[in-house]
Amino acid sequence: MQATAQREHQWLGQLVGNWTFEHESACAPDQPKQKFTGSEHGRMLGDLWIVLEGKGNMPGGGEGRMLMTVGYDPQRGTFVGTWVGSMMTCMFVYEGSLDESSKRLTLNTVGPSWDDPAKQRAYRDTIEIKDENTRYLISSMQADDGTWTEFMRVEYHRAK
C-alpha cells in the first residue's frame, strides 16, 4: 500500500528544518509564567508525516525532550498525531483541523488534569504559521465551566 500525499500533508512540510524557540509557561495554573528556550528539528517521514523533535530547559533546571508527530488521515478527514515528553508519562493523542486561512492547525487531545491527575481534561495545541521563518505553538486547557485558558505560547524561529 502506498498512500498519496494530499494538500494537508504538504502543509506539514512548512515545519521541516531546524528551529530555535522561546516560550512562556506556567508550572501550574496558579503559578506565574516563566521563560524557557530550546531547539527543535522537523523532518518528514516519507511525504505523509512530520516528526518534530525538540529539547529545552525545564522549570527547576535540567533538560526536557519532546517528540510530536502529525499526519493527515484522508479517510477520516482529520489531522492525527501524538505528543510525548521526557517530563511526563502521558502520551497525548491528537485529532484536529486547519482553519479557513490555512495558517492555524488546531489539535485537540485529552490528558491528565493538573490539579487531579486521576481526572481527564481537554487540551488544545494550535500551530500557527506567521511566515516561512516564524511560527507559534499555543497550548490551552479547558476548565470545568467550558472556558479555555492558554498556559503556554512557544515562538519558533527558523535557525540560520
N, C-alpha and C. Protein backbone atom coordinates (compact mmCIF):
# COMPACT_ATOMS: atom_id res chain seq x y z
N MET A 1 0.84 -1.17 0.00
CA MET A 1 0.00 0.00 0.00
C MET A 1 0.90 1.24 0.00
N GLN A 2 0.63 2.18 -0.88
CA GLN A 2 1.37 3.44 -0.94
C GLN A 2 0.37 4.58 -1.01
N ALA A 3 0.29 5.34 0.07
CA ALA A 3 -0.63 6.47 0.13
C ALA A 3 -0.05 7.65 -0.65
N THR A 4 -0.92 8.45 -1.20
CA THR A 4 -0.54 9.65 -1.94
C THR A 4 -0.71 10.86 -1.05
N ALA A 5 0.31 11.71 -1.01
CA ALA A 5 0.25 12.92 -0.18
C ALA A 5 -0.85 13.85 -0.68
N GLN A 6 -1.61 14.38 0.26
CA GLN A 6 -2.68 15.33 -0.02
C GLN A 6 -2.17 16.75 0.28
N ARG A 7 -2.99 17.73 -0.01
CA ARG A 7 -2.67 19.13 0.30
C ARG A 7 -2.33 19.29 1.77
N GLU A 8 -3.05 18.60 2.65
CA GLU A 8 -2.82 18.70 4.09
C GLU A 8 -1.44 18.16 4.48
N HIS A 9 -1.00 17.10 3.83
CA HIS A 9 0.34 16.57 4.09
C HIS A 9 1.40 17.58 3.66
N GLN A 10 1.18 18.22 2.52
CA GLN A 10 2.12 19.22 2.03
C GLN A 10 2.20 20.41 2.99
N TRP A 11 1.09 20.77 3.63
CA TRP A 11 1.07 21.86 4.60
C TRP A 11 2.07 21.58 5.72
N LEU A 12 2.16 20.33 6.15
CA LEU A 12 3.07 19.95 7.23
C LEU A 12 4.53 20.19 6.88
N GLY A 13 4.86 20.21 5.58
CA GLY A 13 6.22 20.45 5.13
C GLY A 13 6.78 21.80 5.56
N GLN A 14 5.91 22.76 5.89
CA GLN A 14 6.37 24.06 6.38
C GLN A 14 7.15 23.95 7.69
N LEU A 15 6.96 22.85 8.40
CA LEU A 15 7.58 22.67 9.71
C LEU A 15 8.94 22.01 9.64
N VAL A 16 9.34 21.59 8.44
CA VAL A 16 10.65 20.94 8.26
C VAL A 16 11.77 21.95 8.49
N GLY A 17 12.83 21.50 9.14
CA GLY A 17 14.01 22.33 9.32
C GLY A 17 14.44 22.40 10.76
N ASN A 18 15.44 23.24 11.02
CA ASN A 18 15.95 23.46 12.37
C ASN A 18 15.40 24.77 12.89
N TRP A 19 14.91 24.73 14.11
CA TRP A 19 14.24 25.86 14.73
C TRP A 19 14.82 26.12 16.12
N THR A 20 14.80 27.36 16.54
CA THR A 20 15.05 27.70 17.94
C THR A 20 13.73 28.21 18.49
N PHE A 21 13.55 28.08 19.80
CA PHE A 21 12.30 28.57 20.37
C PHE A 21 12.50 29.23 21.72
N GLU A 22 11.55 30.07 22.03
CA GLU A 22 11.44 30.68 23.36
C GLU A 22 9.97 30.57 23.73
N HIS A 23 9.72 30.22 24.98
CA HIS A 23 8.31 30.15 25.37
C HIS A 23 8.12 30.56 26.81
N GLU A 24 6.88 30.90 27.08
CA GLU A 24 6.45 31.20 28.44
C GLU A 24 5.43 30.15 28.83
N SER A 25 5.59 29.62 30.02
CA SER A 25 4.59 28.68 30.51
C SER A 25 4.57 28.72 32.03
N ALA A 26 3.44 28.30 32.55
CA ALA A 26 3.27 28.21 33.99
C ALA A 26 3.44 26.75 34.40
N CYS A 27 4.09 26.53 35.52
CA CYS A 27 4.27 25.16 36.02
C CYS A 27 2.97 24.61 36.59
N ALA A 28 2.07 25.49 36.94
CA ALA A 28 0.74 25.14 37.43
C ALA A 28 -0.17 26.34 37.14
N PRO A 29 -1.47 26.13 37.04
CA PRO A 29 -2.37 27.21 36.67
C PRO A 29 -2.28 28.44 37.57
N ASP A 30 -1.96 28.28 38.83
CA ASP A 30 -1.92 29.41 39.75
C ASP A 30 -0.51 29.99 39.92
N GLN A 31 0.44 29.53 39.09
CA GLN A 31 1.83 29.99 39.16
C GLN A 31 2.10 31.02 38.07
N PRO A 32 3.07 31.94 38.32
CA PRO A 32 3.42 32.89 37.27
C PRO A 32 4.13 32.19 36.11
N LYS A 33 4.03 32.77 34.91
CA LYS A 33 4.70 32.21 33.75
C LYS A 33 6.19 32.51 33.81
N GLN A 34 6.98 31.56 33.30
CA GLN A 34 8.43 31.70 33.23
C GLN A 34 8.85 31.51 31.78
N LYS A 35 10.01 32.08 31.39
CA LYS A 35 10.53 31.94 30.02
C LYS A 35 11.54 30.81 29.94
N PHE A 36 11.45 30.06 28.84
CA PHE A 36 12.35 28.94 28.58
C PHE A 36 12.77 28.97 27.12
N THR A 37 13.93 28.37 26.81
CA THR A 37 14.43 28.32 25.44
C THR A 37 14.81 26.90 25.06
N GLY A 38 14.95 26.69 23.74
CA GLY A 38 15.35 25.38 23.27
C GLY A 38 15.47 25.34 21.76
N SER A 39 15.53 24.14 21.23
CA SER A 39 15.66 23.94 19.79
C SER A 39 14.79 22.77 19.36
N GLU A 40 14.50 22.74 18.06
CA GLU A 40 13.66 21.68 17.51
C GLU A 40 14.13 21.36 16.09
N HIS A 41 14.05 20.09 15.76
CA HIS A 41 14.34 19.65 14.39
C HIS A 41 13.08 19.00 13.83
N GLY A 42 12.65 19.47 12.66
CA GLY A 42 11.48 18.89 11.99
C GLY A 42 11.89 18.18 10.72
N ARG A 43 11.39 16.96 10.54
CA ARG A 43 11.68 16.20 9.32
C ARG A 43 10.43 15.45 8.90
N MET A 44 10.32 15.24 7.60
CA MET A 44 9.20 14.46 7.09
C MET A 44 9.56 12.98 7.17
N LEU A 45 8.57 12.18 7.49
CA LEU A 45 8.66 10.73 7.44
C LEU A 45 7.91 10.36 6.17
N GLY A 46 8.66 10.11 5.09
CA GLY A 46 8.04 9.98 3.77
C GLY A 46 7.43 11.33 3.40
N ASP A 47 6.30 11.31 2.73
CA ASP A 47 5.58 12.54 2.37
C ASP A 47 4.35 12.76 3.24
N LEU A 48 4.16 11.92 4.27
CA LEU A 48 2.87 11.89 4.96
C LEU A 48 2.90 12.37 6.41
N TRP A 49 4.06 12.34 7.06
CA TRP A 49 4.13 12.66 8.48
C TRP A 49 5.24 13.67 8.75
N ILE A 50 5.00 14.59 9.68
CA ILE A 50 6.06 15.46 10.20
C ILE A 50 6.45 14.90 11.56
N VAL A 51 7.74 14.84 11.81
CA VAL A 51 8.28 14.43 13.10
C VAL A 51 9.05 15.62 13.64
N LEU A 52 8.62 16.15 14.78
CA LEU A 52 9.25 17.31 15.41
C LEU A 52 9.88 16.85 16.71
N GLU A 53 11.22 16.93 16.78
CA GLU A 53 11.93 16.51 17.98
C GLU A 53 12.61 17.72 18.60
N GLY A 54 12.22 18.04 19.84
CA GLY A 54 12.74 19.22 20.50
C GLY A 54 13.41 18.93 21.81
N LYS A 55 14.18 19.91 22.26
CA LYS A 55 14.78 19.85 23.59
C LYS A 55 14.90 21.28 24.11
N GLY A 56 14.77 21.41 25.41
CA GLY A 56 14.85 22.73 26.00
C GLY A 56 14.99 22.67 27.50
N ASN A 57 15.31 23.82 28.09
CA ASN A 57 15.47 23.85 29.55
C ASN A 57 14.12 23.74 30.23
N MET A 58 14.14 23.23 31.45
CA MET A 58 12.91 22.94 32.19
C MET A 58 12.83 23.78 33.46
N PRO A 59 11.62 24.01 33.95
CA PRO A 59 11.47 24.69 35.24
C PRO A 59 12.24 23.92 36.32
N GLY A 60 12.98 24.61 37.13
CA GLY A 60 13.75 23.96 38.18
C GLY A 60 15.07 23.38 37.70
N GLY A 61 15.38 23.55 36.40
CA GLY A 61 16.65 23.06 35.87
C GLY A 61 16.49 21.77 35.11
N GLY A 62 17.53 21.41 34.42
CA GLY A 62 17.53 20.19 33.62
C GLY A 62 17.00 20.44 32.22
N GLU A 63 17.05 19.37 31.42
CA GLU A 63 16.61 19.45 30.03
C GLU A 63 15.42 18.54 29.80
N GLY A 64 14.44 19.05 29.09
CA GLY A 64 13.30 18.25 28.68
C GLY A 64 13.41 17.94 27.20
N ARG A 65 12.92 16.79 26.80
CA ARG A 65 12.89 16.39 25.39
C ARG A 65 11.44 16.10 25.00
N MET A 66 11.08 16.53 23.79
CA MET A 66 9.72 16.38 23.32
C MET A 66 9.71 15.78 21.92
N LEU A 67 8.68 15.01 21.60
CA LEU A 67 8.53 14.43 20.27
C LEU A 67 7.06 14.56 19.86
N MET A 68 6.83 15.23 18.74
CA MET A 68 5.48 15.39 18.19
C MET A 68 5.46 14.78 16.80
N THR A 69 4.41 14.03 16.50
CA THR A 69 4.18 13.53 15.15
C THR A 69 2.82 14.03 14.71
N VAL A 70 2.71 14.44 13.45
CA VAL A 70 1.42 14.86 12.90
C VAL A 70 1.34 14.39 11.45
N GLY A 71 0.19 13.86 11.11
CA GLY A 71 -0.11 13.47 9.73
C GLY A 71 -1.56 13.83 9.43
N TYR A 72 -2.04 13.39 8.29
CA TYR A 72 -3.43 13.64 7.90
C TYR A 72 -4.04 12.33 7.46
N ASP A 73 -5.23 12.04 7.98
CA ASP A 73 -5.97 10.82 7.63
C ASP A 73 -7.10 11.21 6.69
N PRO A 74 -6.92 11.01 5.37
CA PRO A 74 -7.96 11.42 4.42
C PRO A 74 -9.27 10.65 4.58
N GLN A 75 -9.22 9.41 5.06
CA GLN A 75 -10.46 8.64 5.25
C GLN A 75 -11.33 9.27 6.34
N ARG A 76 -10.68 9.79 7.39
CA ARG A 76 -11.41 10.42 8.48
C ARG A 76 -11.57 11.92 8.28
N GLY A 77 -10.78 12.48 7.35
CA GLY A 77 -10.84 13.91 7.07
C GLY A 77 -10.32 14.76 8.22
N THR A 78 -9.27 14.26 8.91
CA THR A 78 -8.75 14.97 10.06
C THR A 78 -7.24 14.77 10.18
N PHE A 79 -6.57 15.76 10.77
CA PHE A 79 -5.17 15.60 11.13
C PHE A 79 -5.12 14.70 12.37
N VAL A 80 -4.08 13.89 12.46
CA VAL A 80 -3.89 12.99 13.60
C VAL A 80 -2.44 13.09 14.04
N GLY A 81 -2.18 12.76 15.29
CA GLY A 81 -0.80 12.80 15.76
C GLY A 81 -0.66 12.46 17.22
N THR A 82 0.57 12.64 17.71
CA THR A 82 0.90 12.35 19.10
C THR A 82 1.90 13.37 19.62
N TRP A 83 1.96 13.48 20.94
CA TRP A 83 2.99 14.27 21.61
C TRP A 83 3.40 13.52 22.87
N VAL A 84 4.73 13.37 23.05
CA VAL A 84 5.27 12.81 24.29
C VAL A 84 6.43 13.68 24.73
N GLY A 85 6.67 13.71 26.04
CA GLY A 85 7.78 14.47 26.60
C GLY A 85 8.47 13.68 27.69
N SER A 86 9.77 13.94 27.85
CA SER A 86 10.55 13.22 28.85
C SER A 86 10.15 13.58 30.27
N MET A 87 9.31 14.59 30.44
CA MET A 87 8.94 15.05 31.77
C MET A 87 7.61 14.47 32.26
N MET A 88 6.95 13.65 31.45
CA MET A 88 5.66 13.10 31.87
C MET A 88 5.42 11.72 31.27
N THR A 89 4.52 10.97 31.88
CA THR A 89 4.24 9.60 31.44
C THR A 89 3.05 9.50 30.50
N CYS A 90 2.39 10.60 30.23
CA CYS A 90 1.20 10.61 29.39
C CYS A 90 1.56 10.81 27.92
N MET A 91 0.93 10.03 27.02
CA MET A 91 1.03 10.28 25.59
C MET A 91 -0.26 10.99 25.18
N PHE A 92 -0.10 12.17 24.60
CA PHE A 92 -1.26 12.91 24.11
C PHE A 92 -1.51 12.48 22.66
N VAL A 93 -2.75 12.11 22.35
CA VAL A 93 -3.14 11.68 21.00
C VAL A 93 -4.02 12.77 20.41
N TYR A 94 -3.60 13.28 19.25
CA TYR A 94 -4.25 14.42 18.62
C TYR A 94 -5.26 14.04 17.54
N GLU A 95 -6.22 14.95 17.38
CA GLU A 95 -7.11 14.97 16.22
C GLU A 95 -7.44 16.43 15.98
N GLY A 96 -7.36 16.88 14.72
CA GLY A 96 -7.60 18.30 14.51
C GLY A 96 -7.79 18.70 13.07
N SER A 97 -7.81 20.03 12.85
CA SER A 97 -8.10 20.56 11.52
C SER A 97 -7.44 21.92 11.31
N LEU A 98 -7.31 22.29 10.03
CA LEU A 98 -6.82 23.60 9.64
C LEU A 98 -7.97 24.60 9.64
N ASP A 99 -7.67 25.86 9.95
CA ASP A 99 -8.69 26.89 9.82
C ASP A 99 -8.82 27.28 8.35
N GLU A 100 -9.78 28.15 8.04
CA GLU A 100 -10.05 28.53 6.65
C GLU A 100 -8.87 29.24 6.00
N SER A 101 -8.05 29.95 6.77
CA SER A 101 -6.90 30.67 6.22
C SER A 101 -5.71 29.75 5.96
N SER A 102 -5.77 28.52 6.43
CA SER A 102 -4.67 27.56 6.37
C SER A 102 -3.42 28.08 7.09
N LYS A 103 -3.60 28.92 8.09
CA LYS A 103 -2.49 29.43 8.89
C LYS A 103 -2.45 28.77 10.27
N ARG A 104 -3.57 28.17 10.71
CA ARG A 104 -3.65 27.58 12.05
C ARG A 104 -4.15 26.14 11.99
N LEU A 105 -3.34 25.27 12.56
CA LEU A 105 -3.72 23.87 12.72
C LEU A 105 -4.04 23.66 14.20
N THR A 106 -5.29 23.36 14.49
CA THR A 106 -5.71 23.13 15.88
C THR A 106 -5.80 21.63 16.11
N LEU A 107 -5.08 21.17 17.14
CA LEU A 107 -5.01 19.76 17.50
C LEU A 107 -5.62 19.57 18.88
N ASN A 108 -6.68 18.79 18.96
CA ASN A 108 -7.38 18.54 20.21
C ASN A 108 -6.92 17.22 20.81
N THR A 109 -6.89 17.18 22.15
CA THR A 109 -6.46 15.97 22.84
C THR A 109 -7.05 15.95 24.25
N VAL A 110 -6.81 14.88 24.94
CA VAL A 110 -7.25 14.71 26.33
C VAL A 110 -6.06 14.21 27.12
N GLY A 111 -5.93 14.72 28.36
CA GLY A 111 -4.82 14.28 29.20
C GLY A 111 -5.14 14.54 30.67
N PRO A 112 -4.20 14.21 31.54
CA PRO A 112 -4.45 14.35 32.97
C PRO A 112 -4.59 15.82 33.39
N SER A 113 -5.49 16.05 34.32
CA SER A 113 -5.69 17.38 34.89
C SER A 113 -4.51 17.75 35.76
N TRP A 114 -4.13 19.02 35.77
CA TRP A 114 -3.01 19.47 36.59
C TRP A 114 -3.31 19.33 38.08
N ASP A 115 -4.56 19.58 38.47
CA ASP A 115 -4.90 19.56 39.89
C ASP A 115 -5.32 18.19 40.39
N ASP A 116 -5.65 17.27 39.48
CA ASP A 116 -6.03 15.91 39.88
C ASP A 116 -5.66 14.96 38.74
N PRO A 117 -4.46 14.37 38.76
CA PRO A 117 -4.00 13.51 37.67
C PRO A 117 -4.91 12.32 37.38
N ALA A 118 -5.79 11.97 38.32
CA ALA A 118 -6.73 10.88 38.09
C ALA A 118 -7.89 11.33 37.19
N LYS A 119 -8.04 12.63 37.02
CA LYS A 119 -9.12 13.21 36.24
C LYS A 119 -8.59 13.63 34.86
N GLN A 120 -9.39 13.42 33.81
CA GLN A 120 -9.02 13.81 32.46
C GLN A 120 -9.54 15.21 32.14
N ARG A 121 -8.80 15.93 31.30
CA ARG A 121 -9.17 17.29 30.90
C ARG A 121 -8.88 17.45 29.40
N ALA A 122 -9.67 18.27 28.73
CA ALA A 122 -9.45 18.55 27.30
C ALA A 122 -8.34 19.59 27.16
N TYR A 123 -7.47 19.36 26.17
CA TYR A 123 -6.38 20.27 25.83
C TYR A 123 -6.46 20.57 24.34
N ARG A 124 -5.81 21.66 23.97
CA ARG A 124 -5.77 22.06 22.56
C ARG A 124 -4.41 22.70 22.28
N ASP A 125 -3.72 22.18 21.27
CA ASP A 125 -2.47 22.76 20.79
C ASP A 125 -2.72 23.33 19.40
N THR A 126 -2.36 24.58 19.20
CA THR A 126 -2.55 25.23 17.91
C THR A 126 -1.19 25.62 17.35
N ILE A 127 -0.91 25.13 16.14
CA ILE A 127 0.29 25.53 15.41
C ILE A 127 -0.13 26.65 14.48
N GLU A 128 0.46 27.81 14.66
CA GLU A 128 0.12 28.98 13.85
C GLU A 128 1.33 29.42 13.05
N ILE A 129 1.17 29.52 11.74
CA ILE A 129 2.24 29.95 10.85
C ILE A 129 2.15 31.46 10.68
N LYS A 130 3.21 32.17 11.08
CA LYS A 130 3.26 33.62 10.88
C LYS A 130 3.86 33.91 9.50
N ASP A 131 5.01 33.31 9.21
CA ASP A 131 5.65 33.41 7.90
C ASP A 131 6.58 32.20 7.78
N GLU A 132 7.35 32.12 6.71
CA GLU A 132 8.15 30.91 6.48
C GLU A 132 9.23 30.68 7.53
N ASN A 133 9.55 31.71 8.31
CA ASN A 133 10.60 31.59 9.32
C ASN A 133 10.11 31.74 10.76
N THR A 134 8.82 31.93 10.96
CA THR A 134 8.27 32.16 12.30
C THR A 134 6.96 31.40 12.44
N ARG A 135 6.83 30.71 13.55
CA ARG A 135 5.57 30.02 13.86
C ARG A 135 5.39 29.98 15.37
N TYR A 136 4.20 29.63 15.79
CA TYR A 136 3.86 29.57 17.20
C TYR A 136 3.21 28.23 17.52
N LEU A 137 3.35 27.81 18.77
CA LEU A 137 2.57 26.70 19.32
C LEU A 137 1.89 27.26 20.56
N ILE A 138 0.56 27.26 20.55
CA ILE A 138 -0.21 27.80 21.66
C ILE A 138 -0.97 26.64 22.30
N SER A 139 -0.72 26.41 23.58
CA SER A 139 -1.36 25.31 24.32
C SER A 139 -2.37 25.87 25.29
N SER A 140 -3.56 25.26 25.29
CA SER A 140 -4.65 25.69 26.17
C SER A 140 -5.30 24.47 26.79
N MET A 141 -5.96 24.69 27.93
CA MET A 141 -6.74 23.61 28.54
C MET A 141 -8.13 24.12 28.86
N GLN A 142 -9.07 23.19 28.87
CA GLN A 142 -10.46 23.55 29.12
C GLN A 142 -10.81 23.35 30.59
N ALA A 143 -11.38 24.38 31.17
CA ALA A 143 -11.82 24.33 32.58
C ALA A 143 -13.15 23.59 32.68
N ASP A 144 -13.53 23.28 33.90
CA ASP A 144 -14.80 22.59 34.14
C ASP A 144 -15.99 23.37 33.61
N ASP A 145 -15.89 24.71 33.59
CA ASP A 145 -17.01 25.53 33.10
C ASP A 145 -17.02 25.68 31.57
N GLY A 146 -16.08 25.00 30.88
CA GLY A 146 -16.05 25.03 29.42
C GLY A 146 -15.15 26.09 28.82
N THR A 147 -14.62 27.00 29.62
CA THR A 147 -13.74 28.05 29.10
C THR A 147 -12.34 27.49 28.86
N TRP A 148 -11.63 28.12 27.93
CA TRP A 148 -10.29 27.72 27.59
C TRP A 148 -9.30 28.71 28.16
N THR A 149 -8.18 28.20 28.73
CA THR A 149 -7.13 29.04 29.28
C THR A 149 -5.80 28.67 28.62
N GLU A 150 -5.15 29.68 28.04
CA GLU A 150 -3.83 29.47 27.45
C GLU A 150 -2.82 29.34 28.57
N PHE A 151 -2.01 28.29 28.53
CA PHE A 151 -0.98 28.13 29.57
C PHE A 151 0.44 28.13 28.99
N MET A 152 0.56 28.08 27.66
CA MET A 152 1.89 28.10 27.06
C MET A 152 1.81 28.69 25.66
N ARG A 153 2.79 29.54 25.34
CA ARG A 153 2.93 30.09 23.98
C ARG A 153 4.41 29.99 23.62
N VAL A 154 4.68 29.22 22.57
CA VAL A 154 6.05 29.00 22.12
C VAL A 154 6.23 29.73 20.80
N GLU A 155 7.28 30.53 20.69
CA GLU A 155 7.61 31.21 19.44
C GLU A 155 8.85 30.55 18.84
N TYR A 156 8.70 30.05 17.62
CA TYR A 156 9.78 29.37 16.90
C TYR A 156 10.33 30.27 15.81
N HIS A 157 11.65 30.24 15.64
CA HIS A 157 12.32 30.94 14.57
C HIS A 157 13.22 29.95 13.84
N ARG A 158 13.13 29.98 12.52
CA ARG A 158 13.97 29.08 11.72
C ARG A 158 15.43 29.42 12.00
N ALA A 159 16.24 28.41 12.31
CA ALA A 159 17.66 28.61 12.59
C ALA A 159 18.37 28.95 11.29
N LYS A 160 19.31 29.84 11.39
CA LYS A 160 20.06 30.28 10.19
C LYS A 160 21.16 29.31 9.89
